[in-house]
Amino acid sequence: MKITGNYKAKCRLWAENVRVIPEGAPMKLPHFHSRKFSSHAEMNAWKQLVLRQLAESAPAHE
């Protein structure tokens, strides 16, 4: 059915045709201990290392 002249039609169609897609299990993050860094550059280097490790351990999505 084509609806013209109604700007809220898309929202109404979405509300009438609800599709729930379950998400996968959330990724477990490693336990972080309190750390002090001597500079922002050192903190950013550590953060990049942790993010890279998380990305490598994440399951591949198709």
Protein backbone atom coordinates (compact mmCIF):
# COMPACT_ATOMS: atom_id res chain seq x y z
CA MET A 1 0.00 0.00 0.00
CA LYS A 2 1.45 3.34 -1.03
CA ILE A 3 0.88 6.24 1.32
CA THR A 4 1.41 9.77 0.01
CA GLY A 5 1.14 13.08 1.79
CA ASN A 6 1.71 11.56 5.23
CA TYR A 7 5.14 12.32 6.66
CA LYS A 8 4.67 9.98 9.64
CA ALA A 9 3.77 6.99 7.46
CA LYS A 10 7.20 5.38 7.72
CA CYS A 11 7.09 5.38 11.52
CA ARG A 12 3.57 4.01 11.51
CA LEU A 13 4.52 1.23 9.08
CA TRP A 14 7.53 0.32 11.25
CA ALA A 15 5.32 0.24 14.34
CA GLU A 16 2.76 -1.99 12.62
CA ASN A 17 5.37 -4.43 11.25
CA VAL A 18 7.68 -5.02 14.18
CA ARG A 19 10.63 -7.32 13.58
CA VAL A 20 12.78 -8.23 16.59
CA ILE A 21 16.23 -9.47 15.67
CA PRO A 22 18.09 -11.00 18.63
CA GLU A 23 21.65 -9.86 19.16
CA GLY A 24 24.48 -12.19 19.89
CA ALA A 25 26.00 -12.57 23.33
CA PRO A 26 27.99 -9.50 24.41
CA MET A 27 31.74 -9.76 24.30
CA LYS A 28 33.45 -10.24 27.64
CA LEU A 29 35.88 -7.46 28.40
CA PRO A 30 39.08 -8.18 30.32
CA HIS A 31 39.24 -7.06 33.93
CA PHE A 32 40.92 -3.66 34.14
CA HIS A 33 42.99 -2.70 37.16
CA SER A 34 43.66 0.85 38.20
CA ARG A 35 46.58 2.20 36.19
CA LYS A 36 48.45 5.47 36.10
CA PHE A 37 50.11 6.74 32.96
CA SER A 38 52.88 9.28 32.71
CA SER A 39 51.39 10.86 29.59
CA HIS A 40 48.41 10.83 27.26
CA ALA A 41 50.58 9.23 24.59
CA GLU A 42 51.36 6.30 26.90
CA MET A 43 47.67 5.89 27.76
CA ASN A 44 46.67 6.03 24.08
CA ALA A 45 49.29 3.41 23.18
CA TRP A 46 47.95 1.09 25.90
CA LYS A 47 44.37 1.73 24.76
CA GLN A 48 45.25 0.91 21.13
CA LEU A 49 46.88 -2.35 22.27
CA VAL A 50 43.79 -3.36 24.26
CA LEU A 51 41.42 -2.45 21.42
CA ARG A 52 43.52 -4.42 18.92
CA GLN A 53 43.48 -7.48 21.22
CA LEU A 54 39.70 -7.19 21.60
CA ALA A 55 39.22 -6.90 17.83
CA GLU A 56 41.39 -9.98 17.19
CA SER A 57 39.51 -12.05 19.77
CA ALA A 58 36.06 -11.01 18.51
CA PRO A 59 34.12 -13.58 16.48
CA ALA A 60 34.00 -12.86 12.76
CA HIS A 61 30.71 -11.42 11.47
CA GLU A 62 29.47 -12.30 8.02
